[in-house]
Every structure is written in C-alpha cells, then in structure tokens.
Amino acid sequence: NLPSSYVLHTVGPIINGPLTQKDCDLLASCYSSCLRLADDNKLSSIAFCCISTGVFRFPQEKAAEIAVEIVREYLHHDTGIKQVVFNVFNTKDEMIYHALLD
C-alpha cells in the first residue's frame, strides 16, 4: 500500500573488495536511469533509498556523494521532476545526507 503510482526498481553494484571506479559508475547509472525513467513517465517526484549500501557493502559516504551529485546534475537540465527524496536507513545515513545537502 505505497502512496505512489509507480515503483522503479534498480539493483546497484555489490562490493566484494576495494571500491573501484566501475562500482562508482554503476551506482551513478542506477540513479540517472531512474531519473530518466521518472521523467519519461512524467513523474514530478521520486524517492531513493541508499542504493547498494547495507548488505551490498558500498561505502555510505561515497554512495551518498554519488547520489547527490547525480541528482543535482540531473535537475540542472530540463526536467519535470520537482521533488527528490532521499530515504535513509539509519542515523549515520541521515547525518551524511544532511552534510551533503546543507
């Protein structure tokens, strides 16, 4: 019973060793693909969880930096998206996103 019309599903990279540029590029692609899909479907808002953190072991700080960078970049272009929500898993994630967005 989600209060939304659509659910966009993406699977981010699983980290099994040192973080690589390819991992970062794959995570960035998850965010940009969802933003494009939301725009293609004329959605005005989108919410993201902390993709690939947790059991997929992507470092929280780097994942948040990528998420915020991709969203900011995307919103500078012509888009119908008016609201982006970052839904965090825990207090540490919340602190990271507040620091990046303030």
N, C-alpha and C. Protein backbone atom coordinates (compact mmCIF):
# COMPACT_ATOMS: atom_id res chain seq x y z
N ASN A 1 0.82 -1.20 0.00
CA ASN A 1 0.00 0.00 0.00
C ASN A 1 0.87 1.26 0.00
N LEU A 2 1.70 1.36 -0.98
CA LEU A 2 2.55 2.55 -1.08
C LEU A 2 1.76 3.73 -1.63
N PRO A 3 2.00 4.92 -1.09
CA PRO A 3 1.30 6.10 -1.59
C PRO A 3 1.96 6.63 -2.87
N SER A 4 2.09 5.76 -3.86
CA SER A 4 2.72 6.17 -5.11
C SER A 4 2.11 5.41 -6.27
N SER A 5 2.25 5.98 -7.44
CA SER A 5 1.70 5.35 -8.64
C SER A 5 2.67 4.37 -9.27
N TYR A 6 3.95 4.55 -9.05
CA TYR A 6 4.98 3.72 -9.67
C TYR A 6 6.03 3.32 -8.64
N VAL A 7 6.63 2.18 -8.87
CA VAL A 7 7.82 1.76 -8.14
C VAL A 7 8.88 1.44 -9.18
N LEU A 8 9.98 2.16 -9.14
CA LEU A 8 11.09 1.92 -10.06
C LEU A 8 12.12 1.08 -9.31
N HIS A 9 12.50 -0.03 -9.90
CA HIS A 9 13.44 -0.94 -9.23
C HIS A 9 14.79 -0.88 -9.93
N THR A 10 15.83 -0.75 -9.14
CA THR A 10 17.19 -0.79 -9.67
C THR A 10 18.05 -1.61 -8.74
N VAL A 11 19.04 -2.26 -9.28
CA VAL A 11 19.97 -3.04 -8.46
C VAL A 11 21.36 -2.44 -8.63
N GLY A 12 21.91 -2.02 -7.53
CA GLY A 12 23.24 -1.42 -7.56
C GLY A 12 24.33 -2.46 -7.44
N PRO A 13 25.57 -2.01 -7.55
CA PRO A 13 26.70 -2.93 -7.50
C PRO A 13 26.90 -3.53 -6.11
N ILE A 14 27.38 -4.77 -6.10
CA ILE A 14 27.76 -5.45 -4.87
C ILE A 14 29.27 -5.32 -4.75
N ILE A 15 29.72 -4.85 -3.60
CA ILE A 15 31.14 -4.60 -3.40
C ILE A 15 31.79 -5.81 -2.73
N ASN A 16 32.73 -6.41 -3.44
CA ASN A 16 33.47 -7.58 -2.93
C ASN A 16 34.96 -7.30 -3.00
N GLY A 17 35.41 -6.35 -2.24
CA GLY A 17 36.81 -5.96 -2.28
C GLY A 17 36.90 -4.45 -2.30
N PRO A 18 38.04 -3.92 -2.74
CA PRO A 18 38.19 -2.47 -2.80
C PRO A 18 37.19 -1.84 -3.78
N LEU A 19 36.71 -0.68 -3.42
CA LEU A 19 35.79 0.06 -4.29
C LEU A 19 36.53 0.49 -5.55
N THR A 20 35.89 0.29 -6.71
CA THR A 20 36.52 0.64 -7.99
C THR A 20 35.73 1.76 -8.67
N GLN A 21 36.33 2.35 -9.68
CA GLN A 21 35.64 3.36 -10.47
C GLN A 21 34.43 2.75 -11.17
N LYS A 22 34.56 1.50 -11.59
CA LYS A 22 33.43 0.81 -12.23
C LYS A 22 32.25 0.71 -11.27
N ASP A 23 32.51 0.40 -9.99
CA ASP A 23 31.45 0.35 -8.98
C ASP A 23 30.76 1.71 -8.88
N CYS A 24 31.55 2.76 -8.83
CA CYS A 24 31.01 4.12 -8.73
C CYS A 24 30.18 4.48 -9.96
N ASP A 25 30.68 4.11 -11.13
CA ASP A 25 29.95 4.38 -12.37
C ASP A 25 28.64 3.61 -12.43
N LEU A 26 28.65 2.36 -11.97
CA LEU A 26 27.42 1.56 -11.95
C LEU A 26 26.39 2.17 -11.01
N LEU A 27 26.83 2.62 -9.84
CA LEU A 27 25.90 3.24 -8.90
C LEU A 27 25.33 4.53 -9.49
N ALA A 28 26.17 5.34 -10.09
CA ALA A 28 25.71 6.57 -10.73
C ALA A 28 24.67 6.26 -11.79
N SER A 29 24.89 5.21 -12.54
CA SER A 29 23.95 4.80 -13.59
C SER A 29 22.60 4.40 -13.02
N CYS A 30 22.59 3.79 -11.84
CA CYS A 30 21.32 3.44 -11.19
C CYS A 30 20.48 4.69 -10.96
N TYR A 31 21.10 5.71 -10.41
CA TYR A 31 20.38 6.95 -10.13
C TYR A 31 19.95 7.66 -11.41
N SER A 32 20.85 7.80 -12.36
CA SER A 32 20.50 8.53 -13.58
C SER A 32 19.44 7.78 -14.39
N SER A 33 19.51 6.46 -14.42
CA SER A 33 18.49 5.68 -15.15
C SER A 33 17.11 5.85 -14.53
N CYS A 34 17.05 5.84 -13.21
CA CYS A 34 15.75 6.03 -12.54
C CYS A 34 15.21 7.44 -12.78
N LEU A 35 16.08 8.42 -12.74
CA LEU A 35 15.64 9.79 -13.01
C LEU A 35 15.09 9.93 -14.43
N ARG A 36 15.78 9.36 -15.40
CA ARG A 36 15.30 9.41 -16.78
C ARG A 36 13.96 8.68 -16.93
N LEU A 37 13.84 7.52 -16.29
CA LEU A 37 12.60 6.76 -16.35
C LEU A 37 11.45 7.53 -15.71
N ALA A 38 11.73 8.19 -14.60
CA ALA A 38 10.70 9.01 -13.96
C ALA A 38 10.27 10.14 -14.89
N ASP A 39 11.23 10.79 -15.52
CA ASP A 39 10.91 11.85 -16.48
C ASP A 39 10.12 11.31 -17.67
N ASP A 40 10.54 10.17 -18.19
CA ASP A 40 9.84 9.57 -19.33
C ASP A 40 8.38 9.28 -19.02
N ASN A 41 8.10 9.00 -17.74
CA ASN A 41 6.73 8.70 -17.32
C ASN A 41 6.03 9.91 -16.71
N LYS A 42 6.65 11.08 -16.90
CA LYS A 42 6.08 12.36 -16.47
C LYS A 42 5.79 12.40 -14.97
N LEU A 43 6.68 11.83 -14.19
CA LEU A 43 6.55 11.87 -12.74
C LEU A 43 7.17 13.17 -12.23
N SER A 44 6.56 13.75 -11.22
CA SER A 44 7.08 15.02 -10.69
C SER A 44 7.92 14.83 -9.44
N SER A 45 7.91 13.62 -8.88
CA SER A 45 8.73 13.36 -7.70
C SER A 45 9.26 11.93 -7.74
N ILE A 46 10.34 11.74 -7.00
CA ILE A 46 10.95 10.42 -6.91
C ILE A 46 11.63 10.31 -5.55
N ALA A 47 11.61 9.12 -4.98
CA ALA A 47 12.30 8.86 -3.72
C ALA A 47 13.33 7.76 -3.95
N PHE A 48 14.48 7.96 -3.36
CA PHE A 48 15.56 6.98 -3.46
C PHE A 48 15.93 6.48 -2.07
N CYS A 49 16.15 5.18 -1.95
CA CYS A 49 16.78 4.65 -0.75
C CYS A 49 18.30 4.76 -0.96
N CYS A 50 19.05 4.32 0.00
CA CYS A 50 20.52 4.34 -0.11
C CYS A 50 20.96 3.12 -0.91
N ILE A 51 20.95 3.24 -2.21
CA ILE A 51 21.21 2.11 -3.12
C ILE A 51 22.61 1.54 -2.89
N SER A 52 22.66 0.23 -2.73
CA SER A 52 23.88 -0.57 -2.62
C SER A 52 24.60 -0.49 -1.28
N THR A 53 24.14 0.34 -0.37
CA THR A 53 24.75 0.34 0.96
C THR A 53 24.13 -0.82 1.73
N GLY A 54 24.53 -1.03 2.93
CA GLY A 54 24.00 -2.17 3.68
C GLY A 54 24.64 -3.47 3.21
N VAL A 55 23.82 -4.47 2.91
CA VAL A 55 24.36 -5.80 2.57
C VAL A 55 25.18 -5.81 1.29
N PHE A 56 25.01 -4.81 0.41
CA PHE A 56 25.82 -4.75 -0.82
C PHE A 56 27.17 -4.06 -0.57
N ARG A 57 27.36 -3.52 0.63
CA ARG A 57 28.64 -3.02 1.14
C ARG A 57 29.25 -1.82 0.41
N PHE A 58 28.46 -1.05 -0.30
CA PHE A 58 29.00 0.18 -0.89
C PHE A 58 29.21 1.16 0.26
N PRO A 59 30.37 1.78 0.38
CA PRO A 59 30.61 2.73 1.48
C PRO A 59 29.56 3.85 1.49
N GLN A 60 28.98 4.07 2.66
CA GLN A 60 27.86 5.01 2.78
C GLN A 60 28.19 6.41 2.29
N GLU A 61 29.34 6.94 2.71
CA GLU A 61 29.68 8.32 2.35
C GLU A 61 29.83 8.47 0.84
N LYS A 62 30.55 7.56 0.22
CA LYS A 62 30.77 7.65 -1.23
C LYS A 62 29.46 7.45 -1.98
N ALA A 63 28.62 6.53 -1.51
CA ALA A 63 27.33 6.30 -2.16
C ALA A 63 26.46 7.56 -2.10
N ALA A 64 26.46 8.22 -0.96
CA ALA A 64 25.67 9.44 -0.81
C ALA A 64 26.22 10.56 -1.70
N GLU A 65 27.54 10.68 -1.76
CA GLU A 65 28.14 11.70 -2.64
C GLU A 65 27.73 11.48 -4.09
N ILE A 66 27.75 10.24 -4.53
CA ILE A 66 27.36 9.92 -5.91
C ILE A 66 25.89 10.24 -6.12
N ALA A 67 25.04 9.83 -5.19
CA ALA A 67 23.60 10.06 -5.31
C ALA A 67 23.30 11.55 -5.43
N VAL A 68 23.85 12.33 -4.54
CA VAL A 68 23.59 13.78 -4.53
C VAL A 68 24.15 14.43 -5.79
N GLU A 69 25.35 14.04 -6.20
CA GLU A 69 25.95 14.62 -7.40
C GLU A 69 25.10 14.33 -8.64
N ILE A 70 24.66 13.10 -8.81
CA ILE A 70 23.88 12.73 -9.99
C ILE A 70 22.54 13.46 -9.99
N VAL A 71 21.88 13.52 -8.84
CA VAL A 71 20.59 14.20 -8.76
C VAL A 71 20.75 15.69 -9.04
N ARG A 72 21.73 16.33 -8.44
CA ARG A 72 21.94 17.77 -8.68
C ARG A 72 22.22 18.04 -10.16
N GLU A 73 23.08 17.21 -10.73
CA GLU A 73 23.41 17.35 -12.15
C GLU A 73 22.15 17.20 -13.01
N TYR A 74 21.35 16.21 -12.71
CA TYR A 74 20.15 15.93 -13.50
C TYR A 74 19.14 17.08 -13.40
N LEU A 75 18.99 17.62 -12.21
CA LEU A 75 18.00 18.68 -12.00
C LEU A 75 18.40 20.00 -12.66
N HIS A 76 19.63 20.14 -13.10
CA HIS A 76 20.05 21.35 -13.81
C HIS A 76 19.59 21.36 -15.26
N HIS A 77 19.07 20.24 -15.73
CA HIS A 77 18.57 20.14 -17.10
C HIS A 77 17.06 20.31 -17.10
N ASP A 78 16.49 20.36 -18.27
CA ASP A 78 15.04 20.47 -18.41
C ASP A 78 14.40 19.17 -17.93
N THR A 79 13.68 19.23 -16.83
CA THR A 79 13.07 18.05 -16.24
C THR A 79 11.74 18.41 -15.60
N GLY A 80 10.84 17.45 -15.58
CA GLY A 80 9.57 17.64 -14.89
C GLY A 80 9.64 17.24 -13.43
N ILE A 81 10.78 16.72 -13.01
CA ILE A 81 10.93 16.29 -11.61
C ILE A 81 11.11 17.53 -10.74
N LYS A 82 10.23 17.67 -9.78
CA LYS A 82 10.24 18.84 -8.89
C LYS A 82 10.69 18.50 -7.48
N GLN A 83 10.62 17.20 -7.12
CA GLN A 83 10.98 16.81 -5.76
C GLN A 83 11.73 15.48 -5.79
N VAL A 84 12.86 15.46 -5.07
CA VAL A 84 13.63 14.23 -4.89
C VAL A 84 13.79 14.02 -3.39
N VAL A 85 13.43 12.83 -2.94
CA VAL A 85 13.53 12.48 -1.53
C VAL A 85 14.61 11.40 -1.38
N PHE A 86 15.50 11.59 -0.43
CA PHE A 86 16.47 10.55 -0.08
C PHE A 86 15.97 9.89 1.20
N ASN A 87 15.52 8.66 1.07
CA ASN A 87 15.01 7.90 2.20
C ASN A 87 16.17 7.10 2.79
N VAL A 88 16.57 7.44 4.00
CA VAL A 88 17.77 6.85 4.59
C VAL A 88 17.42 5.69 5.51
N PHE A 89 18.42 4.83 5.73
CA PHE A 89 18.24 3.62 6.54
C PHE A 89 18.49 3.85 8.02
N ASN A 90 19.36 4.80 8.37
CA ASN A 90 19.75 4.95 9.77
C ASN A 90 20.26 6.37 10.03
N THR A 91 20.60 6.62 11.28
CA THR A 91 21.04 7.95 11.69
C THR A 91 22.33 8.37 10.99
N LYS A 92 23.25 7.43 10.78
CA LYS A 92 24.50 7.78 10.09
C LYS A 92 24.21 8.26 8.67
N ASP A 93 23.35 7.54 7.95
CA ASP A 93 22.97 7.98 6.60
C ASP A 93 22.34 9.36 6.64
N GLU A 94 21.48 9.59 7.61
CA GLU A 94 20.82 10.89 7.74
C GLU A 94 21.85 12.00 7.92
N MET A 95 22.83 11.77 8.77
CA MET A 95 23.87 12.78 9.00
C MET A 95 24.69 13.03 7.74
N ILE A 96 24.99 11.97 7.01
CA ILE A 96 25.77 12.11 5.77
C ILE A 96 25.01 12.96 4.75
N TYR A 97 23.73 12.65 4.55
CA TYR A 97 22.93 13.39 3.57
C TYR A 97 22.72 14.83 4.01
N HIS A 98 22.48 15.06 5.30
CA HIS A 98 22.33 16.44 5.77
C HIS A 98 23.60 17.24 5.49
N ALA A 99 24.75 16.65 5.73
CA ALA A 99 26.01 17.36 5.49
C ALA A 99 26.19 17.68 4.00
N LEU A 100 25.78 16.77 3.14
CA LEU A 100 25.93 17.00 1.70
C LEU A 100 24.91 17.99 1.15
N LEU A 101 23.75 18.05 1.76
CA LEU A 101 22.66 18.87 1.21
C LEU A 101 22.54 20.24 1.86
N ASP A 102 23.17 20.44 2.99
CA ASP A 102 23.08 21.75 3.67
C ASP A 102 24.06 22.74 3.10
